[in-house]
Amino acid sequence: MSLFITDECINCDVCEPECPNSAITQGEEIYEIDHNLCTECVGHFNEPQCVEVCPVDCIPEDPDHVETPDQLKAKYDVLMAAK
């Protein structure tokens, strides 16, 4: 699954620079995660870095974008090939 940011986000600015895929951007009110770019850090780290640094625990898995670890790895491979 990709991740998403809930409305509990306090705009603390710590998650965006931690994302290795640049999937996190500032939205109109809170930060947002582009599910097309989010690999839950598969291929980069063992744990999603945004979740690790979030002080309010507002970054759960996105039930609308369910992906297996293999699908996340395949997405990572495509993203890295495009760089």
N, C-alpha and C. Protein backbone atom coordinates (compact mmCIF):
# COMPACT_ATOMS: atom_id res chain seq x y z
N MET A 1 0.83 -1.18 0.00
CA MET A 1 0.00 0.00 0.00
C MET A 1 0.87 1.24 0.00
N SER A 2 0.38 2.24 -0.61
CA SER A 2 1.05 3.51 -0.41
C SER A 2 0.51 4.09 0.89
N LEU A 3 1.04 5.22 1.28
CA LEU A 3 0.64 5.87 2.51
C LEU A 3 -0.14 7.13 2.20
N PHE A 4 -0.81 7.69 3.20
CA PHE A 4 -1.45 8.98 3.03
C PHE A 4 -1.35 9.76 4.33
N ILE A 5 -1.54 11.06 4.25
CA ILE A 5 -1.43 11.92 5.42
C ILE A 5 -2.83 12.37 5.81
N THR A 6 -3.17 12.16 7.07
CA THR A 6 -4.50 12.52 7.56
C THR A 6 -4.57 14.00 7.91
N ASP A 7 -5.77 14.46 8.20
CA ASP A 7 -5.96 15.86 8.56
C ASP A 7 -5.43 16.18 9.96
N GLU A 8 -4.84 15.22 10.63
CA GLU A 8 -4.16 15.47 11.91
C GLU A 8 -2.78 16.09 11.69
N CYS A 9 -2.34 16.19 10.44
CA CYS A 9 -1.04 16.77 10.10
C CYS A 9 -0.94 18.18 10.66
N ILE A 10 0.21 18.49 11.27
CA ILE A 10 0.44 19.82 11.84
C ILE A 10 1.40 20.65 10.99
N ASN A 11 1.68 20.20 9.78
CA ASN A 11 2.57 20.92 8.86
C ASN A 11 3.92 21.23 9.49
N CYS A 12 4.50 20.25 10.12
CA CYS A 12 5.78 20.45 10.82
C CYS A 12 6.97 20.43 9.87
N ASP A 13 6.75 20.03 8.62
CA ASP A 13 7.79 20.05 7.58
C ASP A 13 8.88 18.99 7.71
N VAL A 14 8.71 17.98 8.56
CA VAL A 14 9.78 16.99 8.70
C VAL A 14 9.66 15.82 7.73
N CYS A 15 8.47 15.55 7.23
CA CYS A 15 8.29 14.37 6.37
C CYS A 15 8.79 14.60 4.94
N GLU A 16 8.51 15.75 4.38
CA GLU A 16 8.83 16.01 2.97
C GLU A 16 10.29 15.74 2.63
N PRO A 17 11.26 16.27 3.36
CA PRO A 17 12.66 16.02 2.98
C PRO A 17 13.12 14.58 3.20
N GLU A 18 12.37 13.81 3.98
CA GLU A 18 12.75 12.43 4.26
C GLU A 18 12.36 11.47 3.14
N CYS A 19 11.43 11.87 2.27
CA CYS A 19 10.92 10.97 1.23
C CYS A 19 11.93 10.83 0.10
N PRO A 20 12.45 9.62 -0.12
CA PRO A 20 13.44 9.42 -1.18
C PRO A 20 12.85 9.47 -2.59
N ASN A 21 11.53 9.39 -2.69
CA ASN A 21 10.88 9.40 -4.01
C ASN A 21 10.20 10.73 -4.33
N SER A 22 10.35 11.71 -3.47
CA SER A 22 9.70 13.02 -3.64
C SER A 22 8.18 12.88 -3.80
N ALA A 23 7.62 11.93 -3.06
CA ALA A 23 6.18 11.68 -3.13
C ALA A 23 5.38 12.63 -2.24
N ILE A 24 6.05 13.31 -1.32
CA ILE A 24 5.36 14.18 -0.38
C ILE A 24 5.53 15.64 -0.80
N THR A 25 4.40 16.33 -0.89
CA THR A 25 4.42 17.75 -1.23
C THR A 25 3.43 18.51 -0.35
N GLN A 26 3.64 19.80 -0.26
CA GLN A 26 2.72 20.64 0.52
C GLN A 26 1.44 20.83 -0.27
N GLY A 27 0.31 20.45 0.32
CA GLY A 27 -0.99 20.65 -0.30
C GLY A 27 -1.54 22.00 0.11
N GLU A 28 -2.81 22.23 -0.17
CA GLU A 28 -3.43 23.50 0.19
C GLU A 28 -3.48 23.69 1.71
N GLU A 29 -3.76 22.62 2.44
CA GLU A 29 -3.87 22.74 3.89
C GLU A 29 -2.85 21.90 4.64
N ILE A 30 -2.57 20.70 4.15
CA ILE A 30 -1.62 19.80 4.80
C ILE A 30 -0.74 19.16 3.74
N TYR A 31 0.29 18.46 4.18
CA TYR A 31 1.12 17.73 3.24
C TYR A 31 0.32 16.59 2.63
N GLU A 32 0.70 16.21 1.41
CA GLU A 32 0.02 15.14 0.68
C GLU A 32 1.05 14.17 0.13
N ILE A 33 0.62 12.92 -0.06
CA ILE A 33 1.47 11.89 -0.63
C ILE A 33 0.89 11.45 -1.96
N ASP A 34 1.71 11.49 -3.00
CA ASP A 34 1.32 11.03 -4.33
C ASP A 34 1.46 9.51 -4.34
N HIS A 35 0.33 8.81 -4.41
CA HIS A 35 0.37 7.34 -4.35
C HIS A 35 1.12 6.74 -5.54
N ASN A 36 1.25 7.48 -6.62
CA ASN A 36 2.01 6.99 -7.78
C ASN A 36 3.50 6.98 -7.53
N LEU A 37 3.96 7.74 -6.54
CA LEU A 37 5.39 7.83 -6.22
C LEU A 37 5.75 7.13 -4.91
N CYS A 38 4.77 6.87 -4.07
CA CYS A 38 5.04 6.28 -2.76
C CYS A 38 5.30 4.78 -2.87
N THR A 39 6.46 4.37 -2.39
CA THR A 39 6.79 2.94 -2.33
C THR A 39 6.94 2.47 -0.89
N GLU A 40 6.50 3.29 0.07
CA GLU A 40 6.70 3.02 1.50
C GLU A 40 8.18 2.83 1.78
N CYS A 41 9.02 3.46 0.99
CA CYS A 41 10.48 3.42 1.08
C CYS A 41 11.07 2.06 0.70
N VAL A 42 10.26 1.17 0.13
CA VAL A 42 10.78 -0.10 -0.37
C VAL A 42 11.87 0.22 -1.40
N GLY A 43 13.00 -0.45 -1.27
CA GLY A 43 14.12 -0.21 -2.16
C GLY A 43 15.12 0.79 -1.59
N HIS A 44 14.67 1.59 -0.64
CA HIS A 44 15.54 2.59 -0.02
C HIS A 44 15.82 2.26 1.45
N PHE A 45 14.77 1.99 2.21
CA PHE A 45 14.88 1.77 3.66
C PHE A 45 13.96 0.62 4.07
N ASN A 46 14.17 0.12 5.27
CA ASN A 46 13.33 -0.96 5.79
C ASN A 46 11.98 -0.46 6.29
N GLU A 47 11.90 0.80 6.66
CA GLU A 47 10.66 1.39 7.17
C GLU A 47 10.40 2.70 6.44
N PRO A 48 9.13 3.07 6.28
CA PRO A 48 8.82 4.37 5.68
C PRO A 48 9.39 5.50 6.53
N GLN A 49 10.23 6.31 5.93
CA GLN A 49 10.91 7.36 6.68
C GLN A 49 9.97 8.44 7.17
N CYS A 50 8.92 8.75 6.41
CA CYS A 50 7.97 9.77 6.86
C CYS A 50 7.27 9.33 8.14
N VAL A 51 6.93 8.06 8.21
CA VAL A 51 6.27 7.52 9.41
C VAL A 51 7.23 7.59 10.59
N GLU A 52 8.50 7.30 10.34
CA GLU A 52 9.50 7.31 11.41
C GLU A 52 9.66 8.69 12.04
N VAL A 53 9.58 9.76 11.23
CA VAL A 53 9.83 11.10 11.75
C VAL A 53 8.57 11.87 12.15
N CYS A 54 7.41 11.39 11.77
CA CYS A 54 6.16 12.12 12.04
C CYS A 54 5.89 12.20 13.54
N PRO A 55 5.81 13.43 14.09
CA PRO A 55 5.59 13.55 15.54
C PRO A 55 4.15 13.33 15.99
N VAL A 56 3.20 13.31 15.05
CA VAL A 56 1.80 13.15 15.45
C VAL A 56 1.17 11.86 14.93
N ASP A 57 1.95 11.00 14.32
CA ASP A 57 1.46 9.70 13.88
C ASP A 57 0.23 9.83 12.96
N CYS A 58 0.39 10.64 11.89
CA CYS A 58 -0.75 10.89 11.00
C CYS A 58 -0.52 10.33 9.59
N ILE A 59 0.33 9.30 9.47
CA ILE A 59 0.63 8.75 8.14
C ILE A 59 0.37 7.24 8.14
N PRO A 60 -0.90 6.85 7.98
CA PRO A 60 -1.23 5.42 7.92
C PRO A 60 -1.15 4.88 6.48
N GLU A 61 -1.36 3.59 6.35
CA GLU A 61 -1.46 2.97 5.02
C GLU A 61 -2.76 3.43 4.36
N ASP A 62 -2.71 3.58 3.05
CA ASP A 62 -3.85 4.07 2.29
C ASP A 62 -4.69 2.89 1.81
N PRO A 63 -5.88 2.67 2.39
CA PRO A 63 -6.70 1.53 1.98
C PRO A 63 -7.23 1.65 0.56
N ASP A 64 -7.17 2.84 -0.02
CA ASP A 64 -7.62 3.04 -1.40
C ASP A 64 -6.54 2.69 -2.43
N HIS A 65 -5.32 2.43 -1.96
CA HIS A 65 -4.22 2.11 -2.86
C HIS A 65 -3.41 0.95 -2.30
N VAL A 66 -4.04 -0.22 -2.29
CA VAL A 66 -3.43 -1.42 -1.75
C VAL A 66 -2.41 -1.97 -2.74
N GLU A 67 -1.19 -2.21 -2.23
CA GLU A 67 -0.12 -2.78 -3.05
C GLU A 67 0.66 -3.78 -2.22
N THR A 68 1.10 -4.86 -2.85
CA THR A 68 1.92 -5.85 -2.18
C THR A 68 3.36 -5.36 -2.13
N PRO A 69 4.18 -5.97 -1.29
CA PRO A 69 5.60 -5.62 -1.30
C PRO A 69 6.24 -5.78 -2.69
N ASP A 70 5.83 -6.80 -3.43
CA ASP A 70 6.37 -7.00 -4.78
C ASP A 70 5.95 -5.86 -5.72
N GLN A 71 4.72 -5.40 -5.58
CA GLN A 71 4.26 -4.28 -6.41
C GLN A 71 4.99 -2.99 -6.04
N LEU A 72 5.24 -2.78 -4.74
CA LEU A 72 6.00 -1.61 -4.31
C LEU A 72 7.43 -1.67 -4.84
N LYS A 73 8.03 -2.85 -4.84
CA LYS A 73 9.39 -3.01 -5.37
C LYS A 73 9.41 -2.74 -6.87
N ALA A 74 8.40 -3.21 -7.59
CA ALA A 74 8.31 -2.97 -9.03
C ALA A 74 8.15 -1.48 -9.31
N LYS A 75 7.36 -0.79 -8.49
CA LYS A 75 7.19 0.66 -8.65
C LYS A 75 8.53 1.36 -8.40
N TYR A 76 9.24 0.93 -7.36
CA TYR A 76 10.57 1.47 -7.07
C TYR A 76 11.50 1.30 -8.26
N ASP A 77 11.50 0.11 -8.85
CA ASP A 77 12.37 -0.15 -10.02
C ASP A 77 12.05 0.79 -11.16
N VAL A 78 10.78 1.02 -11.43
CA VAL A 78 10.37 1.92 -12.51
C VAL A 78 10.80 3.35 -12.20
N LEU A 79 10.58 3.78 -10.96
CA LEU A 79 10.96 5.14 -10.57
C LEU A 79 12.48 5.36 -10.67
N MET A 80 13.25 4.36 -10.29
CA MET A 80 14.70 4.50 -10.35
C MET A 80 15.21 4.48 -11.79
N ALA A 81 14.55 3.72 -12.64
CA ALA A 81 14.94 3.67 -14.05
C ALA A 81 14.66 5.01 -14.74
N ALA A 82 13.66 5.74 -14.25
CA ALA A 82 13.29 7.03 -14.85
C ALA A 82 14.23 8.15 -14.43
N LYS A 83 15.03 7.93 -13.40
CA LYS A 83 15.94 8.99 -12.92
C LYS A 83 17.18 9.08 -13.75
